[in-house]
């Protein structure tokens, strides 16, 4: 659930593309959710 893409996007206006990494027993779902669920105004494009 380390939300690096969101932390990066919060501090720049250039496009940020998040890659959720399968690094836990949850198969990457935790990373996917923390990357794709951004608050309005701070977009992160997210791939699989």
ModelCIF file with pLDDT and N, C-alpha, C, O atoms, coordinates in Angstrom:
data_MODEL
#
_entry.id   MODEL 
#
_entity.id                         1 
_entity.type                       polymer 
_entity.pdbx_number_of_molecules   1 
#
_entity_poly.entity_id                      1 
_entity_poly.type                           'polypeptide(L)' 
_entity_poly.nstd_linkage                   no 
_entity_poly.nstd_monomer                   no 
_entity_poly.pdbx_seq_one_letter_code       
;(UNK)(UNK)(UNK)(UNK)(UNK)(UNK)(UNK)(UNK)(UNK)(UNK)(UNK)(UNK)(UNK)(UNK)(UNK)(UNK)
(UNK)(UNK)(UNK)(UNK)(UNK)(UNK)(UNK)(UNK)(UNK)(UNK)(UNK)(UNK)(UNK)(UNK)(UNK)(UNK)
(UNK)(UNK)(UNK)(UNK)(UNK)(UNK)(UNK)(UNK)(UNK)(UNK)(UNK)(UNK)(UNK)(UNK)(UNK)(UNK)
;
_entity_poly.pdbx_seq_one_letter_code_can   XXXXXXXXXXXXXXXXXXXXXXXXXXXXXXXXXXXXXXXXXXXXXXXX 
_entity_poly.pdbx_strand_id                 A 
#
loop_
_entity_poly_seq.entity_id 
_entity_poly_seq.num 
_entity_poly_seq.mon_id 
_entity_poly_seq.hetero 
1 1  UNK n 
1 2  UNK n 
1 3  UNK n 
1 4  UNK n 
1 5  UNK n 
1 6  UNK n 
1 7  UNK n 
1 8  UNK n 
1 9  UNK n 
1 10 UNK n 
1 11 UNK n 
1 12 UNK n 
1 13 UNK n 
1 14 UNK n 
1 15 UNK n 
1 16 UNK n 
1 17 UNK n 
1 18 UNK n 
1 19 UNK n 
1 20 UNK n 
1 21 UNK n 
1 22 UNK n 
1 23 UNK n 
1 24 UNK n 
1 25 UNK n 
1 26 UNK n 
1 27 UNK n 
1 28 UNK n 
1 29 UNK n 
1 30 UNK n 
1 31 UNK n 
1 32 UNK n 
1 33 UNK n 
1 34 UNK n 
1 35 UNK n 
1 36 UNK n 
1 37 UNK n 
1 38 UNK n 
1 39 UNK n 
1 40 UNK n 
1 41 UNK n 
1 42 UNK n 
1 43 UNK n 
1 44 UNK n 
1 45 UNK n 
1 46 UNK n 
1 47 UNK n 
1 48 UNK n 
#
_struct_asym.id          A 
_struct_asym.entity_id   1 
#
loop_
_ma_qa_metric.id 
_ma_qa_metric.mode 
_ma_qa_metric.name 
_ma_qa_metric.software_group_id 
_ma_qa_metric.type 
1 global pLDDT . pLDDT 
2 local  pLDDT . pLDDT 
#
_ma_qa_metric_global.metric_id      1 
_ma_qa_metric_global.metric_value   93.52 
_ma_qa_metric_global.model_id       1 
_ma_qa_metric_global.ordinal_id     1 
#
loop_
_ma_qa_metric_local.label_asym_id 
_ma_qa_metric_local.label_comp_id 
_ma_qa_metric_local.label_seq_id 
_ma_qa_metric_local.metric_id 
_ma_qa_metric_local.metric_value 
_ma_qa_metric_local.model_id 
_ma_qa_metric_local.ordinal_id 
A UNK 1  2 74.00 1 1  
A UNK 2  2 73.00 1 2  
A UNK 3  2 87.00 1 3  
A UNK 4  2 95.00 1 4  
A UNK 5  2 96.00 1 5  
A UNK 6  2 96.00 1 6  
A UNK 7  2 95.00 1 7  
A UNK 8  2 97.00 1 8  
A UNK 9  2 97.00 1 9  
A UNK 10 2 97.00 1 10 
A UNK 11 2 97.00 1 11 
A UNK 12 2 98.00 1 12 
A UNK 13 2 98.00 1 13 
A UNK 14 2 98.00 1 14 
A UNK 15 2 98.00 1 15 
A UNK 16 2 98.00 1 16 
A UNK 17 2 98.00 1 17 
A UNK 18 2 97.00 1 18 
A UNK 19 2 97.00 1 19 
A UNK 20 2 96.00 1 20 
A UNK 21 2 95.00 1 21 
A UNK 22 2 94.00 1 22 
A UNK 23 2 89.00 1 23 
A UNK 24 2 86.00 1 24 
A UNK 25 2 89.00 1 25 
A UNK 26 2 90.00 1 26 
A UNK 27 2 92.00 1 27 
A UNK 28 2 92.00 1 28 
A UNK 29 2 93.00 1 29 
A UNK 30 2 92.00 1 30 
A UNK 31 2 92.00 1 31 
A UNK 32 2 94.00 1 32 
A UNK 33 2 92.00 1 33 
A UNK 34 2 91.00 1 34 
A UNK 35 2 93.00 1 35 
A UNK 36 2 92.00 1 36 
A UNK 37 2 92.00 1 37 
A UNK 38 2 91.00 1 38 
A UNK 39 2 92.00 1 39 
A UNK 40 2 94.00 1 40 
A UNK 41 2 96.00 1 41 
A UNK 42 2 96.00 1 42 
A UNK 43 2 96.00 1 43 
A UNK 44 2 97.00 1 44 
A UNK 45 2 97.00 1 45 
A UNK 46 2 97.00 1 46 
A UNK 47 2 97.00 1 47 
A UNK 48 2 96.00 1 48 
#
loop_
_atom_site.group_PDB 
_atom_site.id 
_atom_site.type_symbol 
_atom_site.label_atom_id 
_atom_site.label_alt_id 
_atom_site.label_comp_id 
_atom_site.label_asym_id 
_atom_site.label_entity_id 
_atom_site.label_seq_id 
_atom_site.pdbx_PDB_ins_code 
_atom_site.Cartn_x 
_atom_site.Cartn_y 
_atom_site.Cartn_z 
_atom_site.occupancy 
_atom_site.B_iso_or_equiv 
_atom_site.pdbx_formal_charge 
_atom_site.auth_seq_id 
_atom_site.auth_comp_id 
_atom_site.auth_asym_id 
_atom_site.auth_atom_id 
_atom_site.pdbx_PDB_model_num 
ATOM 1   N N  . UNK A 1 1  ? 0.825  -1.206  0.000   1.00 74.00 ? 1  UNK A N  1 
ATOM 2   C CA . UNK A 1 1  ? 0.000  0.000   0.000   1.00 74.00 ? 1  UNK A CA 1 
ATOM 3   C C  . UNK A 1 1  ? 0.862  1.258   0.000   1.00 74.00 ? 1  UNK A C  1 
ATOM 4   O O  . UNK A 1 1  ? 0.389  2.343   0.340   1.00 74.00 ? 1  UNK A O  1 
ATOM 5   N N  . UNK A 1 2  ? 2.123  1.108   -0.382  1.00 73.00 ? 2  UNK A N  1 
ATOM 6   C CA . UNK A 1 2  ? 3.023  2.257   -0.448  1.00 73.00 ? 2  UNK A CA 1 
ATOM 7   C C  . UNK A 1 2  ? 2.642  3.105   -1.656  1.00 73.00 ? 2  UNK A C  1 
ATOM 8   O O  . UNK A 1 2  ? 2.858  2.701   -2.799  1.00 73.00 ? 2  UNK A O  1 
ATOM 9   N N  . UNK A 1 3  ? 2.093  4.244   -1.408  1.00 87.00 ? 3  UNK A N  1 
ATOM 10  C CA . UNK A 1 3  ? 1.490  5.030   -2.469  1.00 87.00 ? 3  UNK A CA 1 
ATOM 11  C C  . UNK A 1 3  ? 2.462  6.030   -3.080  1.00 87.00 ? 3  UNK A C  1 
ATOM 12  O O  . UNK A 1 3  ? 2.254  7.241   -3.002  1.00 87.00 ? 3  UNK A O  1 
ATOM 13  N N  . UNK A 1 4  ? 3.521  5.514   -3.688  1.00 95.00 ? 4  UNK A N  1 
ATOM 14  C CA . UNK A 1 4  ? 4.557  6.360   -4.265  1.00 95.00 ? 4  UNK A CA 1 
ATOM 15  C C  . UNK A 1 4  ? 4.033  7.235   -5.400  1.00 95.00 ? 4  UNK A C  1 
ATOM 16  O O  . UNK A 1 4  ? 4.343  8.425   -5.457  1.00 95.00 ? 4  UNK A O  1 
ATOM 17  N N  . UNK A 1 5  ? 3.246  6.661   -6.298  1.00 96.00 ? 5  UNK A N  1 
ATOM 18  C CA . UNK A 1 5  ? 2.743  7.442   -7.433  1.00 96.00 ? 5  UNK A CA 1 
ATOM 19  C C  . UNK A 1 5  ? 1.942  8.658   -6.961  1.00 96.00 ? 5  UNK A C  1 
ATOM 20  O O  . UNK A 1 5  ? 2.077  9.744   -7.525  1.00 96.00 ? 5  UNK A O  1 
ATOM 21  N N  . UNK A 1 6  ? 1.125  8.484   -5.951  1.00 96.00 ? 6  UNK A N  1 
ATOM 22  C CA . UNK A 1 6  ? 0.348  9.596   -5.421  1.00 96.00 ? 6  UNK A CA 1 
ATOM 23  C C  . UNK A 1 6  ? 1.213  10.651  -4.771  1.00 96.00 ? 6  UNK A C  1 
ATOM 24  O O  . UNK A 1 6  ? 0.957  11.846  -4.918  1.00 96.00 ? 6  UNK A O  1 
ATOM 25  N N  . UNK A 1 7  ? 2.242  10.216  -4.049  1.00 95.00 ? 7  UNK A N  1 
ATOM 26  C CA . UNK A 1 7  ? 3.156  11.171  -3.418  1.00 95.00 ? 7  UNK A CA 1 
ATOM 27  C C  . UNK A 1 7  ? 3.917  11.971  -4.470  1.00 95.00 ? 7  UNK A C  1 
ATOM 28  O O  . UNK A 1 7  ? 4.156  13.166  -4.298  1.00 95.00 ? 7  UNK A O  1 
ATOM 29  N N  . UNK A 1 8  ? 4.296  11.305  -5.558  1.00 97.00 ? 8  UNK A N  1 
ATOM 30  C CA . UNK A 1 8  ? 4.979  12.004  -6.648  1.00 97.00 ? 8  UNK A CA 1 
ATOM 31  C C  . UNK A 1 8  ? 4.013  12.973  -7.327  1.00 97.00 ? 8  UNK A C  1 
ATOM 32  O O  . UNK A 1 8  ? 4.353  14.137  -7.540  1.00 97.00 ? 8  UNK A O  1 
ATOM 33  N N  . UNK A 1 9  ? 2.814  12.506  -7.667  1.00 97.00 ? 9  UNK A N  1 
ATOM 34  C CA . UNK A 1 9  ? 1.835  13.342  -8.373  1.00 97.00 ? 9  UNK A CA 1 
ATOM 35  C C  . UNK A 1 9  ? 1.415  14.556  -7.558  1.00 97.00 ? 9  UNK A C  1 
ATOM 36  O O  . UNK A 1 9  ? 1.066  15.590  -8.126  1.00 97.00 ? 9  UNK A O  1 
ATOM 37  N N  . UNK A 1 10 ? 1.444  14.445  -6.244  1.00 97.00 ? 10 UNK A N  1 
ATOM 38  C CA . UNK A 1 10 ? 1.043  15.563  -5.388  1.00 97.00 ? 10 UNK A CA 1 
ATOM 39  C C  . UNK A 1 10 ? 1.977  16.761  -5.532  1.00 97.00 ? 10 UNK A C  1 
ATOM 40  O O  . UNK A 1 10 ? 1.624  17.882  -5.167  1.00 97.00 ? 10 UNK A O  1 
ATOM 41  N N  . UNK A 1 11 ? 3.173  16.511  -6.068  1.00 97.00 ? 11 UNK A N  1 
ATOM 42  C CA . UNK A 1 11 ? 4.184  17.562  -6.111  1.00 97.00 ? 11 UNK A CA 1 
ATOM 43  C C  . UNK A 1 11 ? 4.634  17.949  -7.520  1.00 97.00 ? 11 UNK A C  1 
ATOM 44  O O  . UNK A 1 11 ? 5.663  18.605  -7.682  1.00 97.00 ? 11 UNK A O  1 
ATOM 45  N N  . UNK A 1 12 ? 3.875  17.549  -8.534  1.00 98.00 ? 12 UNK A N  1 
ATOM 46  C CA . UNK A 1 12 ? 4.209  17.921  -9.904  1.00 98.00 ? 12 UNK A CA 1 
ATOM 47  C C  . UNK A 1 12 ? 2.933  17.969  -10.737 1.00 98.00 ? 12 UNK A C  1 
ATOM 48  O O  . UNK A 1 12 ? 1.912  17.389  -10.369 1.00 98.00 ? 12 UNK A O  1 
ATOM 49  N N  . UNK A 1 13 ? 3.010  18.663  -11.855 1.00 98.00 ? 13 UNK A N  1 
ATOM 50  C CA . UNK A 1 13 ? 1.883  18.672  -12.782 1.00 98.00 ? 13 UNK A CA 1 
ATOM 51  C C  . UNK A 1 13 ? 2.233  17.972  -14.087 1.00 98.00 ? 13 UNK A C  1 
ATOM 52  O O  . UNK A 1 13 ? 1.453  18.031  -15.037 1.00 98.00 ? 13 UNK A O  1 
ATOM 53  N N  . UNK A 1 14 ? 3.390  17.307  -14.160 1.00 98.00 ? 14 UNK A N  1 
ATOM 54  C CA . UNK A 1 14 ? 3.651  16.482  -15.336 1.00 98.00 ? 14 UNK A CA 1 
ATOM 55  C C  . UNK A 1 14 ? 2.969  15.129  -15.128 1.00 98.00 ? 14 UNK A C  1 
ATOM 56  O O  . UNK A 1 14 ? 2.757  14.723  -13.985 1.00 98.00 ? 14 UNK A O  1 
ATOM 57  N N  . UNK A 1 15 ? 2.624  14.429  -16.200 1.00 98.00 ? 15 UNK A N  1 
ATOM 58  C CA . UNK A 1 15 ? 1.906  13.160  -16.048 1.00 98.00 ? 15 UNK A CA 1 
ATOM 59  C C  . UNK A 1 15 ? 2.685  12.121  -15.245 1.00 98.00 ? 15 UNK A C  1 
ATOM 60  O O  . UNK A 1 15 ? 3.873  11.896  -15.477 1.00 98.00 ? 15 UNK A O  1 
ATOM 61  N N  . UNK A 1 16 ? 1.999  11.502  -14.308 1.00 98.00 ? 16 UNK A N  1 
ATOM 62  C CA . UNK A 1 16 ? 2.557  10.423  -13.497 1.00 98.00 ? 16 UNK A CA 1 
ATOM 63  C C  . UNK A 1 16 ? 1.789  9.153   -13.833 1.00 98.00 ? 16 UNK A C  1 
ATOM 64  O O  . UNK A 1 16 ? 0.558  9.137   -13.852 1.00 98.00 ? 16 UNK A O  1 
ATOM 65  N N  . UNK A 1 17 ? 2.538  8.095   -14.096 1.00 98.00 ? 17 UNK A N  1 
ATOM 66  C CA . UNK A 1 17 ? 1.953  6.800   -14.428 1.00 98.00 ? 17 UNK A CA 1 
ATOM 67  C C  . UNK A 1 17 ? 2.360  5.826   -13.335 1.00 98.00 ? 17 UNK A C  1 
ATOM 68  O O  . UNK A 1 17 ? 3.546  5.567   -13.128 1.00 98.00 ? 17 UNK A O  1 
ATOM 69  N N  . UNK A 1 18 ? 1.377  5.296   -12.644 1.00 97.00 ? 18 UNK A N  1 
ATOM 70  C CA . UNK A 1 18 ? 1.641  4.377   -11.543 1.00 97.00 ? 18 UNK A CA 1 
ATOM 71  C C  . UNK A 1 18 ? 1.648  2.929   -12.012 1.00 97.00 ? 18 UNK A C  1 
ATOM 72  O O  . UNK A 1 18 ? 0.803  2.510   -12.802 1.00 97.00 ? 18 UNK A O  1 
ATOM 73  N N  . UNK A 1 19 ? 2.612  2.180   -11.512 1.00 97.00 ? 19 UNK A N  1 
ATOM 74  C CA . UNK A 1 19 ? 2.649  0.738   -11.725 1.00 97.00 ? 19 UNK A CA 1 
ATOM 75  C C  . UNK A 1 19 ? 2.465  0.076   -10.366 1.00 97.00 ? 19 UNK A C  1 
ATOM 76  O O  . UNK A 1 19 ? 3.365  0.130   -9.528  1.00 97.00 ? 19 UNK A O  1 
ATOM 77  N N  . UNK A 1 20 ? 1.307  -0.549  -10.135 1.00 96.00 ? 20 UNK A N  1 
ATOM 78  C CA . UNK A 1 20 ? 1.156  -1.323  -8.901  1.00 96.00 ? 20 UNK A CA 1 
ATOM 79  C C  . UNK A 1 20 ? 1.995  -2.603  -9.023  1.00 96.00 ? 20 UNK A C  1 
ATOM 80  O O  . UNK A 1 20 ? 1.903  -3.325  -10.015 1.00 96.00 ? 20 UNK A O  1 
ATOM 81  N N  . UNK A 1 21 ? 2.798  -2.863  -8.017  1.00 95.00 ? 21 UNK A N  1 
ATOM 82  C CA . UNK A 1 21 ? 3.710  -4.008  -8.054  1.00 95.00 ? 21 UNK A CA 1 
ATOM 83  C C  . UNK A 1 21 ? 3.185  -5.120  -7.145  1.00 95.00 ? 21 UNK A C  1 
ATOM 84  O O  . UNK A 1 21 ? 2.782  -4.875  -6.007  1.00 95.00 ? 21 UNK A O  1 
ATOM 85  N N  . UNK A 1 22 ? 3.198  -6.325  -7.663  1.00 94.00 ? 22 UNK A N  1 
ATOM 86  C CA . UNK A 1 22 ? 2.831  -7.498  -6.867  1.00 94.00 ? 22 UNK A CA 1 
ATOM 87  C C  . UNK A 1 22 ? 3.978  -7.804  -5.918  1.00 94.00 ? 22 UNK A C  1 
ATOM 88  O O  . UNK A 1 22 ? 4.966  -8.428  -6.305  1.00 94.00 ? 22 UNK A O  1 
ATOM 89  N N  . UNK A 1 23 ? 3.844  -7.363  -4.677  1.00 89.00 ? 23 UNK A N  1 
ATOM 90  C CA . UNK A 1 23 ? 4.923  -7.524  -3.709  1.00 89.00 ? 23 UNK A CA 1 
ATOM 91  C C  . UNK A 1 23 ? 4.426  -8.056  -2.361  1.00 89.00 ? 23 UNK A C  1 
ATOM 92  O O  . UNK A 1 23 ? 5.147  -7.998  -1.365  1.00 89.00 ? 23 UNK A O  1 
ATOM 93  N N  . UNK A 1 24 ? 3.209  -8.569  -2.333  1.00 86.00 ? 24 UNK A N  1 
ATOM 94  C CA . UNK A 1 24 ? 2.678  -9.031  -1.057  1.00 86.00 ? 24 UNK A CA 1 
ATOM 95  C C  . UNK A 1 24 ? 1.796  -10.252 -1.267  1.00 86.00 ? 24 UNK A C  1 
ATOM 96  O O  . UNK A 1 24 ? 1.574  -10.694 -2.395  1.00 86.00 ? 24 UNK A O  1 
ATOM 97  N N  . UNK A 1 25 ? 1.312  -10.772 -0.188  1.00 89.00 ? 25 UNK A N  1 
ATOM 98  C CA . UNK A 1 25 ? 0.423  -11.932 -0.264  1.00 89.00 ? 25 UNK A CA 1 
ATOM 99  C C  . UNK A 1 25 ? -0.931 -11.588 -0.876  1.00 89.00 ? 25 UNK A C  1 
ATOM 100 O O  . UNK A 1 25 ? -1.736 -12.484 -1.131  1.00 89.00 ? 25 UNK A O  1 
ATOM 101 N N  . UNK A 1 26 ? -1.191 -10.321 -1.110  1.00 90.00 ? 26 UNK A N  1 
ATOM 102 C CA . UNK A 1 26 ? -2.454 -9.892  -1.713  1.00 90.00 ? 26 UNK A CA 1 
ATOM 103 C C  . UNK A 1 26 ? -2.378 -9.849  -3.239  1.00 90.00 ? 26 UNK A C  1 
ATOM 104 O O  . UNK A 1 26 ? -3.340 -9.443  -3.891  1.00 90.00 ? 26 UNK A O  1 
ATOM 105 N N  . UNK A 1 27 ? -1.256 -10.259 -3.813  1.00 92.00 ? 27 UNK A N  1 
ATOM 106 C CA . UNK A 1 27 ? -1.134 -10.356 -5.257  1.00 92.00 ? 27 UNK A CA 1 
ATOM 107 C C  . UNK A 1 27 ? -1.112 -9.028  -5.998  1.00 92.00 ? 27 UNK A C  1 
ATOM 108 O O  . UNK A 1 27 ? -1.379 -8.995  -7.199  1.00 92.00 ? 27 UNK A O  1 
ATOM 109 N N  . UNK A 1 28 ? -0.805 -7.952  -5.323  1.00 92.00 ? 28 UNK A N  1 
ATOM 110 C CA . UNK A 1 28 ? -0.742 -6.645  -5.964  1.00 92.00 ? 28 UNK A CA 1 
ATOM 111 C C  . UNK A 1 28 ? -2.032 -5.853  -5.907  1.00 92.00 ? 28 UNK A C  1 
ATOM 112 O O  . UNK A 1 28 ? -2.064 -4.694  -6.321  1.00 92.00 ? 28 UNK A O  1 
ATOM 113 N N  . UNK A 1 29 ? -3.106 -6.463  -5.397  1.00 93.00 ? 29 UNK A N  1 
ATOM 114 C CA . UNK A 1 29 ? -4.385 -5.750  -5.304  1.00 93.00 ? 29 UNK A CA 1 
ATOM 115 C C  . UNK A 1 29 ? -4.266 -4.544  -4.377  1.00 93.00 ? 29 UNK A C  1 
ATOM 116 O O  . UNK A 1 29 ? -4.852 -3.495  -4.648  1.00 93.00 ? 29 UNK A O  1 
ATOM 117 N N  . UNK A 1 30 ? -3.520 -4.683  -3.296  1.00 92.00 ? 30 UNK A N  1 
ATOM 118 C CA . UNK A 1 30 ? -3.324 -3.565  -2.375  1.00 92.00 ? 30 UNK A CA 1 
ATOM 119 C C  . UNK A 1 30 ? -2.632 -2.401  -3.083  1.00 92.00 ? 30 UNK A C  1 
ATOM 120 O O  . UNK A 1 30 ? -3.026 -1.247  -2.914  1.00 92.00 ? 30 UNK A O  1 
ATOM 121 N N  . UNK A 1 31 ? -1.602 -2.702  -3.875  1.00 92.00 ? 31 UNK A N  1 
ATOM 122 C CA . UNK A 1 31 ? -0.890 -1.662  -4.615  1.00 92.00 ? 31 UNK A CA 1 
ATOM 123 C C  . UNK A 1 31 ? -1.783 -1.049  -5.689  1.00 92.00 ? 31 UNK A C  1 
ATOM 124 O O  . UNK A 1 31 ? -1.754 0.161   -5.913  1.00 92.00 ? 31 UNK A O  1 
ATOM 125 N N  . UNK A 1 32 ? -2.574 -1.886  -6.349  1.00 94.00 ? 32 UNK A N  1 
ATOM 126 C CA . UNK A 1 32 ? -3.491 -1.388  -7.382  1.00 94.00 ? 32 UNK A CA 1 
ATOM 127 C C  . UNK A 1 32 ? -4.473 -0.386  -6.782  1.00 94.00 ? 32 UNK A C  1 
ATOM 128 O O  . UNK A 1 32 ? -4.661 0.707   -7.316  1.00 94.00 ? 32 UNK A O  1 
ATOM 129 N N  . UNK A 1 33 ? -5.088 -0.763  -5.681  1.00 92.00 ? 33 UNK A N  1 
ATOM 130 C CA . UNK A 1 33 ? -6.087 0.129   -5.080  1.00 92.00 ? 33 UNK A CA 1 
ATOM 131 C C  . UNK A 1 33 ? -5.463 1.424   -4.576  1.00 92.00 ? 33 UNK A C  1 
ATOM 132 O O  . UNK A 1 33 ? -6.057 2.492   -4.725  1.00 92.00 ? 33 UNK A O  1 
ATOM 133 N N  . UNK A 1 34 ? -4.277 1.345   -3.981  1.00 91.00 ? 34 UNK A N  1 
ATOM 134 C CA . UNK A 1 34 ? -3.661 2.571   -3.473  1.00 91.00 ? 34 UNK A CA 1 
ATOM 135 C C  . UNK A 1 34 ? -3.183 3.470   -4.601  1.00 91.00 ? 34 UNK A C  1 
ATOM 136 O O  . UNK A 1 34 ? -3.031 4.676   -4.403  1.00 91.00 ? 34 UNK A O  1 
ATOM 137 N N  . UNK A 1 35 ? -2.943 2.909   -5.779  1.00 93.00 ? 35 UNK A N  1 
ATOM 138 C CA . UNK A 1 35 ? -2.480 3.707   -6.913  1.00 93.00 ? 35 UNK A CA 1 
ATOM 139 C C  . UNK A 1 35 ? -3.636 4.299   -7.700  1.00 93.00 ? 35 UNK A C  1 
ATOM 140 O O  . UNK A 1 35 ? -3.558 5.444   -8.144  1.00 93.00 ? 35 UNK A O  1 
ATOM 141 N N  . UNK A 1 36 ? -4.692 3.545   -7.876  1.00 92.00 ? 36 UNK A N  1 
ATOM 142 C CA . UNK A 1 36 ? -5.788 3.976   -8.744  1.00 92.00 ? 36 UNK A CA 1 
ATOM 143 C C  . UNK A 1 36 ? -6.781 4.908   -8.029  1.00 92.00 ? 36 UNK A C  1 
ATOM 144 O O  . UNK A 1 36 ? -7.479 5.678   -8.689  1.00 92.00 ? 36 UNK A O  1 
ATOM 145 N N  . UNK A 1 37 ? -6.851 4.850   -6.721  1.00 92.00 ? 37 UNK A N  1 
ATOM 146 C CA . UNK A 1 37 ? -7.852 5.641   -5.977  1.00 92.00 ? 37 UNK A CA 1 
ATOM 147 C C  . UNK A 1 37 ? -7.283 6.985   -5.556  1.00 92.00 ? 37 UNK A C  1 
ATOM 148 O O  . UNK A 1 37 ? -7.007 7.212   -4.378  1.00 92.00 ? 37 UNK A O  1 
ATOM 149 N N  . UNK A 1 38 ? -7.109 7.873   -6.521  1.00 91.00 ? 38 UNK A N  1 
ATOM 150 C CA . UNK A 1 38 ? -6.569 9.197   -6.233  1.00 91.00 ? 38 UNK A CA 1 
ATOM 151 C C  . UNK A 1 38 ? -7.695 10.196  -5.989  1.00 91.00 ? 38 UNK A C  1 
ATOM 152 O O  . UNK A 1 38 ? -8.767 10.092  -6.585  1.00 91.00 ? 38 UNK A O  1 
ATOM 153 N N  . UNK A 1 39 ? -7.445 11.165  -5.107  1.00 92.00 ? 39 UNK A N  1 
ATOM 154 C CA . UNK A 1 39 ? -8.462 12.197  -4.883  1.00 92.00 ? 39 UNK A CA 1 
ATOM 155 C C  . UNK A 1 39 ? -8.571 13.116  -6.099  1.00 92.00 ? 39 UNK A C  1 
ATOM 156 O O  . UNK A 1 39 ? -7.611 13.292  -6.849  1.00 92.00 ? 39 UNK A O  1 
ATOM 157 N N  . UNK A 1 40 ? -9.727 13.683  -6.274  1.00 94.00 ? 40 UNK A N  1 
ATOM 158 C CA . UNK A 1 40 ? -9.964 14.611  -7.371  1.00 94.00 ? 40 UNK A CA 1 
ATOM 159 C C  . UNK A 1 40 ? -8.931 15.735  -7.343  1.00 94.00 ? 40 UNK A C  1 
ATOM 160 O O  . UNK A 1 40 ? -8.651 16.316  -6.295  1.00 94.00 ? 40 UNK A O  1 
ATOM 161 N N  . UNK A 1 41 ? -8.374 16.026  -8.508  1.00 96.00 ? 41 UNK A N  1 
ATOM 162 C CA . UNK A 1 41 ? -7.402 17.110  -8.623  1.00 96.00 ? 41 UNK A CA 1 
ATOM 163 C C  . UNK A 1 41 ? -5.964 16.654  -8.676  1.00 96.00 ? 41 UNK A C  1 
ATOM 164 O O  . UNK A 1 41 ? -5.090 17.431  -9.063  1.00 96.00 ? 41 UNK A O  1 
ATOM 165 N N  . UNK A 1 42 ? -5.687 15.403  -8.295  1.00 96.00 ? 42 UNK A N  1 
ATOM 166 C CA . UNK A 1 42 ? -4.321 14.870  -8.326  1.00 96.00 ? 42 UNK A CA 1 
ATOM 167 C C  . UNK A 1 42 ? -4.362 13.544  -9.085  1.00 96.00 ? 42 UNK A C  1 
ATOM 168 O O  . UNK A 1 42 ? -4.362 12.479  -8.468  1.00 96.00 ? 42 UNK A O  1 
ATOM 169 N N  . UNK A 1 43 ? -4.396 13.600  -10.421 1.00 96.00 ? 43 UNK A N  1 
ATOM 170 C CA . UNK A 1 43 ? -4.534 12.359  -11.185 1.00 96.00 ? 43 UNK A CA 1 
ATOM 171 C C  . UNK A 1 43 ? -3.242 11.549  -11.251 1.00 96.00 ? 43 UNK A C  1 
ATOM 172 O O  . UNK A 1 43 ? -2.140 12.096  -11.264 1.00 96.00 ? 43 UNK A O  1 
ATOM 173 N N  . UNK A 1 44 ? -3.413 10.243  -11.291 1.00 97.00 ? 44 UNK A N  1 
ATOM 174 C CA . UNK A 1 44 ? -2.336 9.295   -11.581 1.00 97.00 ? 44 UNK A CA 1 
ATOM 175 C C  . UNK A 1 44 ? -2.902 8.316   -12.605 1.00 97.00 ? 44 UNK A C  1 
ATOM 176 O O  . UNK A 1 44 ? -3.893 7.637   -12.336 1.00 97.00 ? 44 UNK A O  1 
ATOM 177 N N  . UNK A 1 45 ? -2.281 8.242   -13.764 1.00 97.00 ? 45 UNK A N  1 
ATOM 178 C CA . UNK A 1 45 ? -2.659 7.206   -14.725 1.00 97.00 ? 45 UNK A CA 1 
ATOM 179 C C  . UNK A 1 45 ? -2.121 5.901   -14.158 1.00 97.00 ? 45 UNK A C  1 
ATOM 180 O O  . UNK A 1 45 ? -0.993 5.856   -13.668 1.00 97.00 ? 45 UNK A O  1 
ATOM 181 N N  . UNK A 1 46 ? -2.914 4.847   -14.219 1.00 97.00 ? 46 UNK A N  1 
ATOM 182 C CA . UNK A 1 46 ? -2.503 3.588   -13.613 1.00 97.00 ? 46 UNK A CA 1 
ATOM 183 C C  . UNK A 1 46 ? -2.614 2.468   -14.628 1.00 97.00 ? 46 UNK A C  1 
ATOM 184 O O  . UNK A 1 46 ? -3.643 2.302   -15.283 1.00 97.00 ? 46 UNK A O  1 
ATOM 185 N N  . UNK A 1 47 ? -1.536 1.702   -14.750 1.00 97.00 ? 47 UNK A N  1 
ATOM 186 C CA . UNK A 1 47 ? -1.550 0.520   -15.615 1.00 97.00 ? 47 UNK A CA 1 
ATOM 187 C C  . UNK A 1 47 ? -1.824 -0.695  -14.733 1.00 97.00 ? 47 UNK A C  1 
ATOM 188 O O  . UNK A 1 47 ? -1.949 -0.573  -13.515 1.00 97.00 ? 47 UNK A O  1 
ATOM 189 N N  . UNK A 1 48 ? -1.914 -1.851  -15.351 1.00 96.00 ? 48 UNK A N  1 
ATOM 190 C CA . UNK A 1 48 ? -2.189 -3.072  -14.611 1.00 96.00 ? 48 UNK A CA 1 
ATOM 191 C C  . UNK A 1 48 ? -1.048 -3.463  -13.688 1.00 96.00 ? 48 UNK A C  1 
ATOM 192 O O  . UNK A 1 48 ? -1.134 -4.477  -12.994 1.00 96.00 ? 48 UNK A O  1 
#
